[in-house]
Amino acid sequence: MTVLVLTAVPVGLRGHITRWLLEIAPGVFVGTVTARVRDLMWQRVNEHLGEGGRAVMVYPARNEQGLAFKVVGGTWEPVDFEGLTLIRKPSR
């Protein structure tokens, strides 16, 4: 299952994503897509994100965690910690 969370993105992008995923809450999309479709969807998100927008995608992967994620926009960033991918929040 793929989960995509969009924040402060153009309405058109949210509508575009509904071609492949269900929007179960404002900006939260879920569904099962192939890796190829997922990559193309992520490419489209990056192209149309807009200033101030943020996107997080979580999807299954063959690793210790059983998942992987991608982040664009915002200040939180994925970091590798001894083979585990964690999210680093900026310190204040």
C-alpha atoms as a PDB file:
ATOM      1  CA  MET A   1       0.000   0.000   0.000  1.00  0.00           C
ATOM      2  CA  THR A   2       1.179   3.479  -0.815  1.00  0.00           C
ATOM      3  CA  VAL A   3       0.335   6.489   1.346  1.00  0.00           C
ATOM      4  CA  LEU A   4       0.829  10.027   0.079  1.00  0.00           C
ATOM      5  CA  VAL A   5       0.311  13.104   2.253  1.00  0.00           C
ATOM      6  CA  LEU A   6       0.126  16.477   0.514  1.00  0.00           C
ATOM      7  CA  THR A   7       0.157  19.791   2.368  1.00  0.00           C
ATOM      8  CA  ALA A   8      -0.416  23.229   0.836  1.00  0.00           C
ATOM      9  CA  VAL A   9      -0.429  21.993  -2.753  1.00  0.00           C
ATOM     10  CA  PRO A  10      -2.465  23.208  -5.713  1.00  0.00           C
ATOM     11  CA  VAL A  11      -5.963  21.752  -5.924  1.00  0.00           C
ATOM     12  CA  GLY A  12      -5.198  20.485  -9.414  1.00  0.00           C
ATOM     13  CA  LEU A  13      -2.411  18.280  -8.081  1.00  0.00           C
ATOM     14  CA  ARG A  14      -4.738  16.707  -5.513  1.00  0.00           C
ATOM     15  CA  GLY A  15      -7.256  16.040  -8.255  1.00  0.00           C
ATOM     16  CA  HIS A  16      -4.571  14.530 -10.440  1.00  0.00           C
ATOM     17  CA  ILE A  17      -3.453  12.136  -7.699  1.00  0.00           C
ATOM     18  CA  THR A  18      -7.015  10.830  -7.281  1.00  0.00           C
ATOM     19  CA  ARG A  19      -6.560   9.062 -10.603  1.00  0.00           C
ATOM     20  CA  TRP A  20      -4.490   6.445  -8.767  1.00  0.00           C
ATOM     21  CA  LEU A  21      -5.131   6.830  -5.041  1.00  0.00           C
ATOM     22  CA  LEU A  22      -8.154   7.391  -2.813  1.00  0.00           C
ATOM     23  CA  GLU A  23      -8.257  10.613  -0.808  1.00  0.00           C
ATOM     24  CA  ILE A  24      -9.390   9.379   2.616  1.00  0.00           C
ATOM     25  CA  ALA A  25      -8.913  12.736   4.380  1.00  0.00           C
ATOM     26  CA  PRO A  26      -7.921  16.184   3.100  1.00  0.00           C
ATOM     27  CA  GLY A  27      -4.494  15.702   1.523  1.00  0.00           C
ATOM     28  CA  VAL A  28      -4.136  12.045   2.594  1.00  0.00           C
ATOM     29  CA  PHE A  29      -4.145   9.537  -0.261  1.00  0.00           C
ATOM     30  CA  VAL A  30      -3.897   5.739  -0.062  1.00  0.00           C
ATOM     31  CA  GLY A  31      -3.870   2.926  -2.574  1.00  0.00           C
ATOM     32  CA  THR A  32      -1.955   0.131  -4.202  1.00  0.00           C
ATOM     33  CA  VAL A  33      -0.013   1.001  -7.333  1.00  0.00           C
ATOM     34  CA  THR A  34       2.921  -0.490  -9.185  1.00  0.00           C
ATOM     35  CA  ALA A  35       6.441   0.841  -8.615  1.00  0.00           C
ATOM     36  CA  ARG A  36       6.394   2.403 -12.057  1.00  0.00           C
ATOM     37  CA  VAL A  37       3.143   4.279 -11.406  1.00  0.00           C
ATOM     38  CA  ARG A  38       4.387   5.291  -7.953  1.00  0.00           C
ATOM     39  CA  ASP A  39       7.570   6.758  -9.431  1.00  0.00           C
ATOM     40  CA  LEU A  40       5.658   8.619 -12.126  1.00  0.00           C
ATOM     41  CA  MET A  41       3.225   9.925  -9.515  1.00  0.00           C
ATOM     42  CA  TRP A  42       6.120  11.154  -7.361  1.00  0.00           C
ATOM     43  CA  GLN A  43       7.659  12.833 -10.395  1.00  0.00           C
ATOM     44  CA  ARG A  44       4.345  14.615 -11.034  1.00  0.00           C
ATOM     45  CA  VAL A  45       4.163  15.702  -7.376  1.00  0.00           C
ATOM     46  CA  ASN A  46       7.651  17.211  -7.607  1.00  0.00           C
ATOM     47  CA  GLU A  47       6.787  19.042 -10.823  1.00  0.00           C
ATOM     48  CA  HIS A  48       3.584  20.627  -9.462  1.00  0.00           C
ATOM     49  CA  LEU A  49       4.258  20.981  -5.739  1.00  0.00           C
ATOM     50  CA  GLY A  50       4.404  24.767  -5.721  1.00  0.00           C
ATOM     51  CA  GLU A  51       6.055  27.099  -3.257  1.00  0.00           C
ATOM     52  CA  GLY A  52       5.436  26.201   0.370  1.00  0.00           C
ATOM     53  CA  GLY A  53       4.008  22.801  -0.505  1.00  0.00           C
ATOM     54  CA  ARG A  54       5.065  19.580   1.150  1.00  0.00           C
ATOM     55  CA  ALA A  55       4.681  15.936   0.200  1.00  0.00           C
ATOM     56  CA  VAL A  56       5.478  12.694   2.010  1.00  0.00           C
ATOM     57  CA  MET A  57       5.129   9.299   0.356  1.00  0.00           C
ATOM     58  CA  VAL A  58       5.394   5.984   2.211  1.00  0.00           C
ATOM     59  CA  TYR A  59       5.493   2.687   0.327  1.00  0.00           C
ATOM     60  CA  PRO A  60       6.506  -0.943   0.879  1.00  0.00           C
ATOM     61  CA  ALA A  61      10.176  -1.844   0.466  1.00  0.00           C
ATOM     62  CA  ARG A  62      12.379  -4.884   1.002  1.00  0.00           C
ATOM     63  CA  ASN A  63      14.357  -3.598   3.942  1.00  0.00           C
ATOM     64  CA  GLU A  64      14.406  -4.036   7.717  1.00  0.00           C
ATOM     65  CA  GLN A  65      11.570  -1.585   8.233  1.00  0.00           C
ATOM     66  CA  GLY A  66       9.455  -3.003   5.423  1.00  0.00           C
ATOM     67  CA  LEU A  67       8.847   0.481   4.113  1.00  0.00           C
ATOM     68  CA  ALA A  68      10.520   3.441   2.533  1.00  0.00           C
ATOM     69  CA  PHE A  69       9.521   7.032   2.223  1.00  0.00           C
ATOM     70  CA  LYS A  70      10.238  10.139   0.236  1.00  0.00           C
ATOM     71  CA  VAL A  71       9.880  13.736   1.360  1.00  0.00           C
ATOM     72  CA  VAL A  72       9.855  16.947  -0.627  1.00  0.00           C
ATOM     73  CA  GLY A  73       9.303  20.465   0.689  1.00  0.00           C
ATOM     74  CA  GLY A  74       9.187  21.388   4.343  1.00  0.00           C
ATOM     75  CA  THR A  75      12.050  21.115   6.789  1.00  0.00           C
ATOM     76  CA  TRP A  76      11.761  17.517   7.984  1.00  0.00           C
ATOM     77  CA  GLU A  77      14.168  15.209   6.196  1.00  0.00           C
ATOM     78  CA  PRO A  78      14.809  11.461   6.060  1.00  0.00           C
ATOM     79  CA  VAL A  79      18.190  10.361   7.423  1.00  0.00           C
ATOM     80  CA  ASP A  80      19.891   6.979   7.538  1.00  0.00           C
ATOM     81  CA  PHE A  81      20.660   5.772  11.056  1.00  0.00           C
ATOM     82  CA  GLU A  82      22.564   2.478  11.021  1.00  0.00           C
ATOM     83  CA  GLY A  83      20.440   1.125   8.203  1.00  0.00           C
ATOM     84  CA  LEU A  84      17.140   2.513   9.461  1.00  0.00           C
ATOM     85  CA  THR A  85      15.551   5.502   7.825  1.00  0.00           C
ATOM     86  CA  LEU A  86      14.331   8.060  10.326  1.00  0.00           C
ATOM     87  CA  ILE A  87      12.863  11.525  10.021  1.00  0.00           C
ATOM     88  CA  ARG A  88      14.888  14.390  11.432  1.00  0.00           C
ATOM     89  CA  LYS A  89      12.978  17.408  12.675  1.00  0.00           C
ATOM     90  CA  PRO A  90      14.907  20.678  12.685  1.00  0.00           C
ATOM     91  CA  SER A  91      15.948  21.830  16.142  1.00  0.00           C
ATOM     92  CA  ARG A  92      14.681  25.171  17.336  1.00  0.00           C
END
